[in-house]
Amino acid sequence: MLGFFIAMSIKLSAPLATGLILVSCCPGGQASNVATYIPKGIVALSVLMTTRVIDLGFHT
């Protein structure tokens, strides 16, 4: 909800607002991607799993 209100209050364009809302739904996802990148893990897999979790969250 906070991401939505921030996007509306500063009048972001639709693509930027969508990105902000998605990231605010799963804030740990970005930290997970960084934590995967630092030890040279498979970042693409981390991004895929984060995306899938967000997608599943919208369908529940």
PDB file of N, CA and C in Angstrom:
ATOM      1  N   MET A   1       0.815  -1.192   0.000  1.00  0.00           N
ATOM      2  CA  MET A   1       0.000   0.000   0.000  1.00  0.00           C
ATOM      3  C   MET A   1       0.860   1.257   0.000  1.00  0.00           C
ATOM      4  N   LEU A   2       1.958   1.208   0.742  1.00  0.00           N
ATOM      5  CA  LEU A   2       2.815   2.387   0.813  1.00  0.00           C
ATOM      6  C   LEU A   2       3.397   2.723  -0.558  1.00  0.00           C
ATOM      7  N   GLY A   3       3.808   1.690  -1.309  1.00  0.00           N
ATOM      8  CA  GLY A   3       4.331   1.924  -2.650  1.00  0.00           C
ATOM      9  C   GLY A   3       3.307   2.582  -3.556  1.00  0.00           C
ATOM     10  N   PHE A   4       2.071   2.163  -3.438  1.00  0.00           N
ATOM     11  CA  PHE A   4       0.993   2.758  -4.234  1.00  0.00           C
ATOM     12  C   PHE A   4       0.815   4.232  -3.883  1.00  0.00           C
ATOM     13  N   PHE A   5       0.772   4.523  -2.588  1.00  0.00           N
ATOM     14  CA  PHE A   5       0.569   5.910  -2.168  1.00  0.00           C
ATOM     15  C   PHE A   5       1.746   6.801  -2.554  1.00  0.00           C
ATOM     16  N   ILE A   6       2.954   6.284  -2.459  1.00  0.00           N
ATOM     17  CA  ILE A   6       4.118   7.063  -2.882  1.00  0.00           C
ATOM     18  C   ILE A   6       4.056   7.340  -4.378  1.00  0.00           C
ATOM     19  N   ALA A   7       3.739   6.301  -5.165  1.00  0.00           N
ATOM     20  CA  ALA A   7       3.649   6.465  -6.621  1.00  0.00           C
ATOM     21  C   ALA A   7       2.588   7.490  -7.002  1.00  0.00           C
ATOM     22  N   MET A   8       1.460   7.464  -6.322  1.00  0.00           N
ATOM     23  CA  MET A   8       0.398   8.414  -6.635  1.00  0.00           C
ATOM     24  C   MET A   8       0.741   9.823  -6.154  1.00  0.00           C
ATOM     25  N   SER A   9       1.388   9.929  -5.000  1.00  0.00           N
ATOM     26  CA  SER A   9       1.669  11.258  -4.451  1.00  0.00           C
ATOM     27  C   SER A   9       2.719  12.020  -5.253  1.00  0.00           C
ATOM     28  N   ILE A  10       3.689  11.298  -5.852  1.00  0.00           N
ATOM     29  CA  ILE A  10       4.689  12.006  -6.643  1.00  0.00           C
ATOM     30  C   ILE A  10       4.422  11.891  -8.136  1.00  0.00           C
ATOM     31  N   LYS A  11       3.245  11.342  -8.475  1.00  0.00           N
ATOM     32  CA  LYS A  11       2.759  11.280  -9.855  1.00  0.00           C
ATOM     33  C   LYS A  11       3.764  10.635 -10.814  1.00  0.00           C
ATOM     34  N   LEU A  12       4.157   9.403 -10.481  1.00  0.00           N
ATOM     35  CA  LEU A  12       5.061   8.646 -11.347  1.00  0.00           C
ATOM     36  C   LEU A  12       4.330   8.198 -12.606  1.00  0.00           C
ATOM     37  N   SER A  13       5.085   7.994 -13.671  1.00  0.00           N
ATOM     38  CA  SER A  13       4.485   7.436 -14.886  1.00  0.00           C
ATOM     39  C   SER A  13       4.055   5.996 -14.592  1.00  0.00           C
ATOM     40  N   ALA A  14       3.197   5.453 -15.430  1.00  0.00           N
ATOM     41  CA  ALA A  14       2.652   4.110 -15.195  1.00  0.00           C
ATOM     42  C   ALA A  14       3.743   3.034 -15.063  1.00  0.00           C
ATOM     43  N   PRO A  15       4.743   2.990 -15.959  1.00  0.00           N
ATOM     44  CA  PRO A  15       5.771   1.953 -15.801  1.00  0.00           C
ATOM     45  C   PRO A  15       6.567   2.089 -14.503  1.00  0.00           C
ATOM     46  N   LEU A  16       6.923   3.314 -14.132  1.00  0.00           N
ATOM     47  CA  LEU A  16       7.672   3.506 -12.890  1.00  0.00           C
ATOM     48  C   LEU A  16       6.811   3.204 -11.668  1.00  0.00           C
ATOM     49  N   ALA A  17       5.544   3.584 -11.719  1.00  0.00           N
ATOM     50  CA  ALA A  17       4.640   3.285 -10.608  1.00  0.00           C
ATOM     51  C   ALA A  17       4.471   1.779 -10.443  1.00  0.00           C
ATOM     52  N   THR A  18       4.333   1.075 -11.550  1.00  0.00           N
ATOM     53  CA  THR A  18       4.198  -0.382 -11.487  1.00  0.00           C
ATOM     54  C   THR A  18       5.438  -1.010 -10.865  1.00  0.00           C
ATOM     55  N   GLY A  19       6.604  -0.565 -11.284  1.00  0.00           N
ATOM     56  CA  GLY A  19       7.843  -1.093 -10.708  1.00  0.00           C
ATOM     57  C   GLY A  19       7.951  -0.817  -9.224  1.00  0.00           C
ATOM     58  N   LEU A  20       7.602   0.394  -8.810  1.00  0.00           N
ATOM     59  CA  LEU A  20       7.665   0.741  -7.392  1.00  0.00           C
ATOM     60  C   LEU A  20       6.698  -0.112  -6.579  1.00  0.00           C
ATOM     61  N   ILE A  21       5.508  -0.306  -7.091  1.00  0.00           N
ATOM     62  CA  ILE A  21       4.509  -1.106  -6.371  1.00  0.00           C
ATOM     63  C   ILE A  21       4.967  -2.559  -6.274  1.00  0.00           C
ATOM     64  N   LEU A  22       5.512  -3.110  -7.357  1.00  0.00           N
ATOM     65  CA  LEU A  22       5.988  -4.500  -7.316  1.00  0.00           C
ATOM     66  C   LEU A  22       7.140  -4.670  -6.338  1.00  0.00           C
ATOM     67  N   VAL A  23       8.083  -3.744  -6.355  1.00  0.00           N
ATOM     68  CA  VAL A  23       9.219  -3.845  -5.432  1.00  0.00           C
ATOM     69  C   VAL A  23       8.758  -3.688  -3.997  1.00  0.00           C
ATOM     70  N   SER A  24       7.794  -2.815  -3.757  1.00  0.00           N
ATOM     71  CA  SER A  24       7.323  -2.626  -2.377  1.00  0.00           C
ATOM     72  C   SER A  24       6.520  -3.824  -1.885  1.00  0.00           C
ATOM     73  N   CYS A  25       5.986  -4.621  -2.793  1.00  0.00           N
ATOM     74  CA  CYS A  25       5.262  -5.832  -2.381  1.00  0.00           C
ATOM     75  C   CYS A  25       6.217  -6.886  -1.832  1.00  0.00           C
ATOM     76  N   CYS A  26       7.427  -6.904  -2.323  1.00  0.00           N
ATOM     77  CA  CYS A  26       8.396  -7.923  -1.922  1.00  0.00           C
ATOM     78  C   CYS A  26       9.751  -7.266  -1.690  1.00  0.00           C
ATOM     79  N   PRO A  27       9.888  -6.445  -0.625  1.00  0.00           N
ATOM     80  CA  PRO A  27      11.135  -5.710  -0.434  1.00  0.00           C
ATOM     81  C   PRO A  27      12.344  -6.601  -0.192  1.00  0.00           C
ATOM     82  N   GLY A  28      12.141  -7.783   0.335  1.00  0.00           N
ATOM     83  CA  GLY A  28      13.258  -8.690   0.561  1.00  0.00           C
ATOM     84  C   GLY A  28      13.807  -9.272  -0.720  1.00  0.00           C
ATOM     85  N   GLY A  29      13.039  -9.189  -1.801  1.00  0.00           N
ATOM     86  CA  GLY A  29      13.488  -9.741  -3.078  1.00  0.00           C
ATOM     87  C   GLY A  29      14.729  -9.051  -3.598  1.00  0.00           C
ATOM     88  N   GLN A  30      14.796  -7.728  -3.475  1.00  0.00           N
ATOM     89  CA  GLN A  30      15.983  -7.004  -3.940  1.00  0.00           C
ATOM     90  C   GLN A  30      17.190  -7.356  -3.097  1.00  0.00           C
ATOM     91  N   ALA A  31      17.014  -7.458  -1.808  1.00  0.00           N
ATOM     92  CA  ALA A  31      18.119  -7.842  -0.929  1.00  0.00           C
ATOM     93  C   ALA A  31      18.580  -9.263  -1.259  1.00  0.00           C
ATOM     94  N   SER A  32      17.648 -10.120  -1.609  1.00  0.00           N
ATOM     95  CA  SER A  32      17.985 -11.488  -1.981  1.00  0.00           C
ATOM     96  C   SER A  32      18.848 -11.510  -3.234  1.00  0.00           C
ATOM     97  N   ASN A  33      18.513 -10.675  -4.213  1.00  0.00           N
ATOM     98  CA  ASN A  33      19.299 -10.634  -5.446  1.00  0.00           C
ATOM     99  C   ASN A  33      20.711 -10.138  -5.178  1.00  0.00           C
ATOM    100  N   VAL A  34      20.852  -9.153  -4.325  1.00  0.00           N
ATOM    101  CA  VAL A  34      22.188  -8.636  -3.978  1.00  0.00           C
ATOM    102  C   VAL A  34      22.968  -9.688  -3.197  1.00  0.00           C
ATOM    103  N   ALA A  35      22.291 -10.351  -2.253  1.00  0.00           N
ATOM    104  CA  ALA A  35      22.956 -11.381  -1.468  1.00  0.00           C
ATOM    105  C   ALA A  35      23.372 -12.560  -2.338  1.00  0.00           C
ATOM    106  N   THR A  36      22.692 -12.786  -3.437  1.00  0.00           N
ATOM    107  CA  THR A  36      23.082 -13.841  -4.374  1.00  0.00           C
ATOM    108  C   THR A  36      24.256 -13.392  -5.234  1.00  0.00           C
ATOM    109  N   TYR A  37      24.265 -12.121  -5.626  1.00  0.00           N
ATOM    110  CA  TYR A  37      25.309 -11.583  -6.496  1.00  0.00           C
ATOM    111  C   TYR A  37      26.673 -11.545  -5.801  1.00  0.00           C
ATOM    112  N   ILE A  38      26.705 -11.163  -4.529  1.00  0.00           N
ATOM    113  CA  ILE A  38      27.977 -10.983  -3.810  1.00  0.00           C
ATOM    114  C   ILE A  38      28.801 -12.273  -3.774  1.00  0.00           C
ATOM    115  N   PRO A  39      28.222 -13.427  -3.424  1.00  0.00           N
ATOM    116  CA  PRO A  39      29.052 -14.647  -3.428  1.00  0.00           C
ATOM    117  C   PRO A  39      29.121 -15.327  -4.802  1.00  0.00           C
ATOM    118  N   LYS A  40      28.772 -14.587  -5.845  1.00  0.00           N
ATOM    119  CA  LYS A  40      28.825 -15.076  -7.229  1.00  0.00           C
ATOM    120  C   LYS A  40      27.879 -16.257  -7.466  1.00  0.00           C
ATOM    121  N   GLY A  41      26.656 -16.117  -6.923  1.00  0.00           N
ATOM    122  CA  GLY A  41      25.627 -17.125  -7.139  1.00  0.00           C
ATOM    123  C   GLY A  41      24.931 -16.919  -8.476  1.00  0.00           C
ATOM    124  N   ILE A  42      23.901 -17.671  -8.734  1.00  0.00           N
ATOM    125  CA  ILE A  42      23.151 -17.599  -9.984  1.00  0.00           C
ATOM    126  C   ILE A  42      22.075 -16.521  -9.829  1.00  0.00           C
ATOM    127  N   VAL A  43      22.423 -15.300 -10.247  1.00  0.00           N
ATOM    128  CA  VAL A  43      21.522 -14.161 -10.063  1.00  0.00           C
ATOM    129  C   VAL A  43      20.252 -14.335 -10.899  1.00  0.00           C
ATOM    130  N   ALA A  44      20.390 -14.886 -12.108  1.00  0.00           N
ATOM    131  CA  ALA A  44      19.207 -15.077 -12.951  1.00  0.00           C
ATOM    132  C   ALA A  44      18.188 -15.982 -12.255  1.00  0.00           C
ATOM    133  N   LEU A  45      18.652 -16.995 -11.572  1.00  0.00           N
ATOM    134  CA  LEU A  45      17.742 -17.878 -10.836  1.00  0.00           C
ATOM    135  C   LEU A  45      17.088 -17.125  -9.677  1.00  0.00           C
ATOM    136  N   SER A  46      17.859 -16.299  -8.996  1.00  0.00           N
ATOM    137  CA  SER A  46      17.299 -15.503  -7.899  1.00  0.00           C
ATOM    138  C   SER A  46      16.223 -14.548  -8.401  1.00  0.00           C
ATOM    139  N   VAL A  47      16.482 -13.888  -9.540  1.00  0.00           N
ATOM    140  CA  VAL A  47      15.487 -12.982 -10.117  1.00  0.00           C
ATOM    141  C   VAL A  47      14.245 -13.753 -10.539  1.00  0.00           C
ATOM    142  N   LEU A  48      14.451 -14.920 -11.158  1.00  0.00           N
ATOM    143  CA  LEU A  48      13.324 -15.752 -11.583  1.00  0.00           C
ATOM    144  C   LEU A  48      12.466 -16.165 -10.398  1.00  0.00           C
ATOM    145  N   MET A  49      13.091 -16.604  -9.320  1.00  0.00           N
ATOM    146  CA  MET A  49      12.332 -17.040  -8.149  1.00  0.00           C
ATOM    147  C   MET A  49      11.605 -15.859  -7.495  1.00  0.00           C
ATOM    148  N   THR A  50      12.254 -14.690  -7.444  1.00  0.00           N
ATOM    149  CA  THR A  50      11.601 -13.506  -6.888  1.00  0.00           C
ATOM    150  C   THR A  50      10.382 -13.131  -7.717  1.00  0.00           C
ATOM    151  N   THR A  51      10.542 -13.148  -9.042  1.00  0.00           N
ATOM    152  CA  THR A  51       9.427 -12.834  -9.940  1.00  0.00           C
ATOM    153  C   THR A  51       8.287 -13.819  -9.758  1.00  0.00           C
ATOM    154  N   ARG A  52       8.612 -15.082  -9.639  1.00  0.00           N
ATOM    155  CA  ARG A  52       7.588 -16.119  -9.480  1.00  0.00           C
ATOM    156  C   ARG A  52       6.819 -15.943  -8.168  1.00  0.00           C
ATOM    157  N   VAL A  53       7.523 -15.607  -7.110  1.00  0.00           N
ATOM    158  CA  VAL A  53       6.863 -15.405  -5.811  1.00  0.00           C
ATOM    159  C   VAL A  53       5.915 -14.210  -5.877  1.00  0.00           C
ATOM    160  N   ILE A  54       6.367 -13.128  -6.528  1.00  0.00           N
ATOM    161  CA  ILE A  54       5.494 -11.966  -6.676  1.00  0.00           C
ATOM    162  C   ILE A  54       4.271 -12.328  -7.505  1.00  0.00           C
ATOM    163  N   ASP A  55       4.485 -13.077  -8.586  1.00  0.00           N
ATOM    164  CA  ASP A  55       3.386 -13.501  -9.445  1.00  0.00           C
ATOM    165  C   ASP A  55       2.387 -14.365  -8.675  1.00  0.00           C
ATOM    166  N   LEU A  56       2.886 -15.305  -7.903  1.00  0.00           N
ATOM    167  CA  LEU A  56       1.999 -16.147  -7.105  1.00  0.00           C
ATOM    168  C   LEU A  56       1.244 -15.332  -6.064  1.00  0.00           C
ATOM    169  N   GLY A  57       1.890 -14.299  -5.533  1.00  0.00           N
ATOM    170  CA  GLY A  57       1.242 -13.450  -4.541  1.00  0.00           C
ATOM    171  C   GLY A  57       0.043 -12.726  -5.117  1.00  0.00           C
ATOM    172  N   PHE A  58       0.121 -12.343  -6.390  1.00  0.00           N
ATOM    173  CA  PHE A  58      -1.000 -11.661  -7.015  1.00  0.00           C
ATOM    174  C   PHE A  58      -2.173 -12.600  -7.291  1.00  0.00           C
ATOM    175  N   HIS A  59      -1.899 -13.889  -7.401  1.00  0.00           N
ATOM    176  CA  HIS A  59      -2.958 -14.844  -7.745  1.00  0.00           C
ATOM    177  C   HIS A  59      -3.564 -15.532  -6.533  1.00  0.00           C
ATOM    178  N   THR A  60      -3.153 -15.116  -5.343  1.00  0.00           N
ATOM    179  CA  THR A  60      -3.737 -15.755  -4.155  1.00  0.00           C
ATOM    180  C   THR A  60      -4.794 -14.879  -3.532  1.00  0.00           C
TER     181      THR A  60
END
